[in-house]
Structure formats: structure tokens, C-alpha cells
Amino acid sequence: MATPNPASESPSGKGTKNVASSDSSPDDDLKCLDTSLNFFNINLCNIRGLRSNFQSVGHNLSFTNPHLLFLTETQLSEATDSSPFSVPSYFLYSHFRSKTLCCVYVRNDLTCSPAHALESYEFSTIWLRLNRLALKWAFF
């Protein structure tokens, strides 16, 4: 776990980190993530085959409990049914195409939706729009 930067500590002594919001205007104040409460955990793994490494994915999700787990090189085809890869307390967003493929496990306590307009057929990508209200426990 990262430790708060003393230069960014709040007057109360609790560490804070500035987090820019993608939908904020220049007139909006920057949102602060209180690092003394919780972290927003994002994990990334080049899985090199989801089918052969699915047990490791389940282990990672149950022990590290990240908010998001991004996986690349899942090596599954577009027609693959994603239900065998479901994990309790997580929703799976997948982009299984051309065996390069990627997917994201999103914790069920977050609200998000796919941003298909940002995706490209040239690359294997997943774009998600996280609902800021779903993170209100961490933002003030």
C-alpha cells in the first residue's frame, strides 16, 4: 500500500490525494480522495490465458478485493460464453475478440457502464464510465 505524501496532508493530519475528475470543468474544485479511509484499488494483469489461469483470478479477487481488475491477453474467442468466468461480488465486462482480448472485473458495489463510443475496432480495449456517486464514500 502506498503511504500518503506528507506534502499533501490535510490540516487534520489525515493524508489526502488530489484526484482529477474527467467530467469536471476548470471552475470545479478538484476532488480529494481521503487516503486514510480507503484506497481505490485497481489491479492489472497480463493473464496469458484466462481459461488456464482462472483459479488465480479468483484467488486475486478474493484476497486483494480490488475495485477493478483489468486482464489482458485472455486468449478467448469472441463467441466465448463469459458465464464460466463469473466471480461472486464482481461483474465481468469483456471484449473477447481476435484472441488478444481483454476484460475487466468490476466490484458489485461500484456502478459503471460501458462507453462503447470510445472503443476502437483496431485495438482490443474496454472503456468504462464509473458513476462518481458510487464512490461518494471516498470523495468529498
Protein backbone atom coordinates (compact mmCIF):
# COMPACT_ATOMS: atom_id res chain seq x y z
CA MET A 1 0.00 0.00 0.00
CA ALA A 2 1.20 3.49 -0.77
CA THR A 3 1.69 5.91 2.06
CA PRO A 4 0.30 9.44 1.86
CA ASN A 5 2.70 12.15 0.72
CA PRO A 6 3.30 14.46 3.72
CA ALA A 7 3.20 17.47 1.39
CA SER A 8 -0.40 16.69 0.52
CA GLU A 9 -1.69 16.08 4.05
CA SER A 10 -4.81 17.85 5.17
CA PRO A 11 -4.90 20.13 8.25
CA SER A 12 -6.45 17.28 10.24
CA GLY A 13 -3.30 15.24 9.66
CA LYS A 14 -5.11 12.69 7.54
CA GLY A 15 -3.48 12.18 4.15
CA THR A 16 -5.33 13.29 1.04
CA LYS A 17 -4.51 12.94 -2.60
CA ASN A 18 -5.91 15.14 -5.36
CA VAL A 19 -7.81 13.17 -7.95
CA ALA A 20 -8.86 14.95 -11.15
CA SER A 21 -12.33 14.14 -12.42
CA SER A 22 -12.66 13.58 -16.17
CA ASP A 23 -16.03 15.35 -16.30
CA SER A 24 -15.02 18.35 -14.20
CA SER A 25 -14.80 21.82 -15.64
CA PRO A 26 -11.92 24.21 -14.88
CA ASP A 27 -14.27 26.03 -12.48
CA ASP A 28 -14.86 22.88 -10.40
CA ASP A 29 -12.74 22.17 -7.35
CA LEU A 30 -10.53 19.11 -7.54
CA LYS A 31 -11.97 16.19 -5.64
CA CYS A 32 -9.84 14.75 -2.86
CA LEU A 33 -9.55 11.10 -2.02
CA ASP A 34 -9.05 10.63 1.69
CA THR A 35 -6.29 8.02 1.75
CA SER A 36 -6.73 7.48 5.47
CA LEU A 37 -10.13 5.85 4.82
CA ASN A 38 -9.64 3.54 1.85
CA PHE A 39 -7.85 3.30 -1.43
CA PHE A 40 -9.40 2.85 -4.83
CA ASN A 41 -7.62 -0.35 -5.80
CA ILE A 42 -7.03 -1.13 -9.46
CA ASN A 43 -5.13 -4.26 -10.46
CA LEU A 44 -3.81 -5.07 -13.93
CA CYS A 45 -2.53 -8.43 -15.11
CA ASN A 46 -1.37 -9.87 -18.43
CA ILE A 47 -3.15 -13.17 -17.76
CA ARG A 48 -1.85 -15.08 -20.84
CA GLY A 49 -4.94 -17.25 -20.94
CA LEU A 50 -7.98 -16.70 -18.75
CA ARG A 51 -9.19 -20.28 -19.06
CA SER A 52 -5.90 -21.76 -17.83
CA ASN A 53 -5.37 -19.13 -15.12
CA PHE A 54 -8.93 -18.58 -13.90
CA GLN A 55 -8.19 -20.07 -10.46
CA SER A 56 -5.52 -17.39 -9.97
CA VAL A 57 -8.02 -14.69 -10.94
CA GLY A 58 -10.48 -15.92 -8.32
CA HIS A 59 -7.69 -16.04 -5.74
CA ASN A 60 -6.59 -12.49 -6.59
CA LEU A 61 -10.14 -11.13 -6.38
CA SER A 62 -10.95 -12.83 -3.09
CA PHE A 63 -7.72 -11.90 -1.31
CA THR A 64 -6.92 -8.41 -2.67
CA ASN A 65 -10.57 -7.37 -3.22
CA PRO A 66 -9.72 -4.71 -5.84
CA HIS A 67 -12.37 -2.34 -7.13
CA LEU A 68 -11.26 -3.13 -10.70
CA LEU A 69 -9.18 -5.97 -12.12
CA PHE A 70 -8.08 -5.47 -15.74
CA LEU A 71 -6.89 -8.56 -17.61
CA THR A 72 -5.11 -8.57 -20.97
CA GLU A 73 -4.31 -11.47 -23.31
CA THR A 74 -7.27 -13.54 -22.14
CA GLN A 75 -6.89 -15.65 -25.32
CA LEU A 76 -10.61 -16.34 -25.63
CA SER A 77 -12.63 -16.05 -28.81
CA GLU A 78 -15.46 -13.60 -29.41
CA ALA A 79 -18.04 -16.38 -29.20
CA THR A 80 -16.88 -17.44 -25.73
CA ASP A 81 -19.58 -17.53 -23.09
CA SER A 82 -18.31 -15.45 -20.17
CA SER A 83 -20.53 -17.13 -17.54
CA PRO A 84 -17.91 -19.78 -16.59
CA PHE A 85 -15.62 -16.88 -15.66
CA SER A 86 -18.03 -15.20 -13.28
CA VAL A 87 -16.84 -14.47 -9.74
CA PRO A 88 -19.11 -13.70 -6.76
CA SER A 89 -19.28 -9.97 -5.91
CA TYR A 90 -17.88 -8.96 -9.33
CA PHE A 91 -19.37 -8.12 -12.70
CA LEU A 92 -17.36 -9.10 -15.78
CA TYR A 93 -17.09 -6.69 -18.71
CA SER A 94 -15.42 -8.49 -21.59
CA HIS A 95 -14.14 -7.65 -25.04
CA PHE A 96 -13.27 -11.09 -26.35
CA ARG A 97 -12.12 -10.55 -29.93
CA SER A 98 -9.34 -11.98 -32.08
CA LYS A 99 -7.81 -13.91 -29.17
CA THR A 100 -5.90 -10.80 -27.99
CA LEU A 101 -8.79 -9.68 -25.86
CA CYS A 102 -9.22 -8.01 -22.55
CA CYS A 103 -11.73 -7.95 -19.73
CA VAL A 104 -12.44 -6.10 -16.51
CA TYR A 105 -13.85 -7.42 -13.26
CA VAL A 106 -15.77 -4.61 -11.52
CA ARG A 107 -16.72 -4.95 -7.89
CA ASN A 108 -20.50 -5.06 -7.41
CA ASP A 109 -20.51 -2.07 -5.06
CA LEU A 110 -19.48 0.17 -7.98
CA THR A 111 -21.84 1.47 -10.63
CA CYS A 112 -20.42 1.70 -14.12
CA SER A 113 -21.44 1.33 -17.74
CA PRO A 114 -19.55 0.55 -20.94
CA ALA A 115 -18.55 3.57 -23.03
CA HIS A 116 -18.80 1.84 -26.41
CA ALA A 117 -18.44 5.12 -28.32
CA LEU A 118 -14.79 5.29 -27.22
CA GLU A 119 -13.89 1.75 -28.31
CA SER A 120 -11.97 1.06 -31.48
CA TYR A 121 -12.06 -2.00 -33.72
CA GLU A 122 -8.34 -1.54 -34.35
CA PHE A 123 -7.43 -2.27 -30.74
CA SER A 124 -8.65 -4.56 -28.01
CA THR A 125 -9.88 -2.02 -25.46
CA ILE A 126 -12.58 -1.60 -22.86
CA TRP A 127 -13.80 1.81 -21.80
CA LEU A 128 -15.97 2.11 -18.71
CA ARG A 129 -17.68 5.12 -17.21
CA LEU A 130 -17.66 4.92 -13.42
CA ASN A 131 -20.51 6.64 -11.63
CA ARG A 132 -18.95 9.19 -9.31
CA LEU A 133 -21.86 8.83 -6.89
CA ALA A 134 -20.91 5.21 -6.39
CA LEU A 135 -17.61 6.45 -4.97
CA LYS A 136 -19.05 9.07 -2.63
CA TRP A 137 -17.68 7.20 0.38
CA ALA A 138 -14.21 8.18 -0.79
CA PHE A 139 -14.78 11.64 -2.29
CA PHE A 140 -15.75 14.87 -0.61
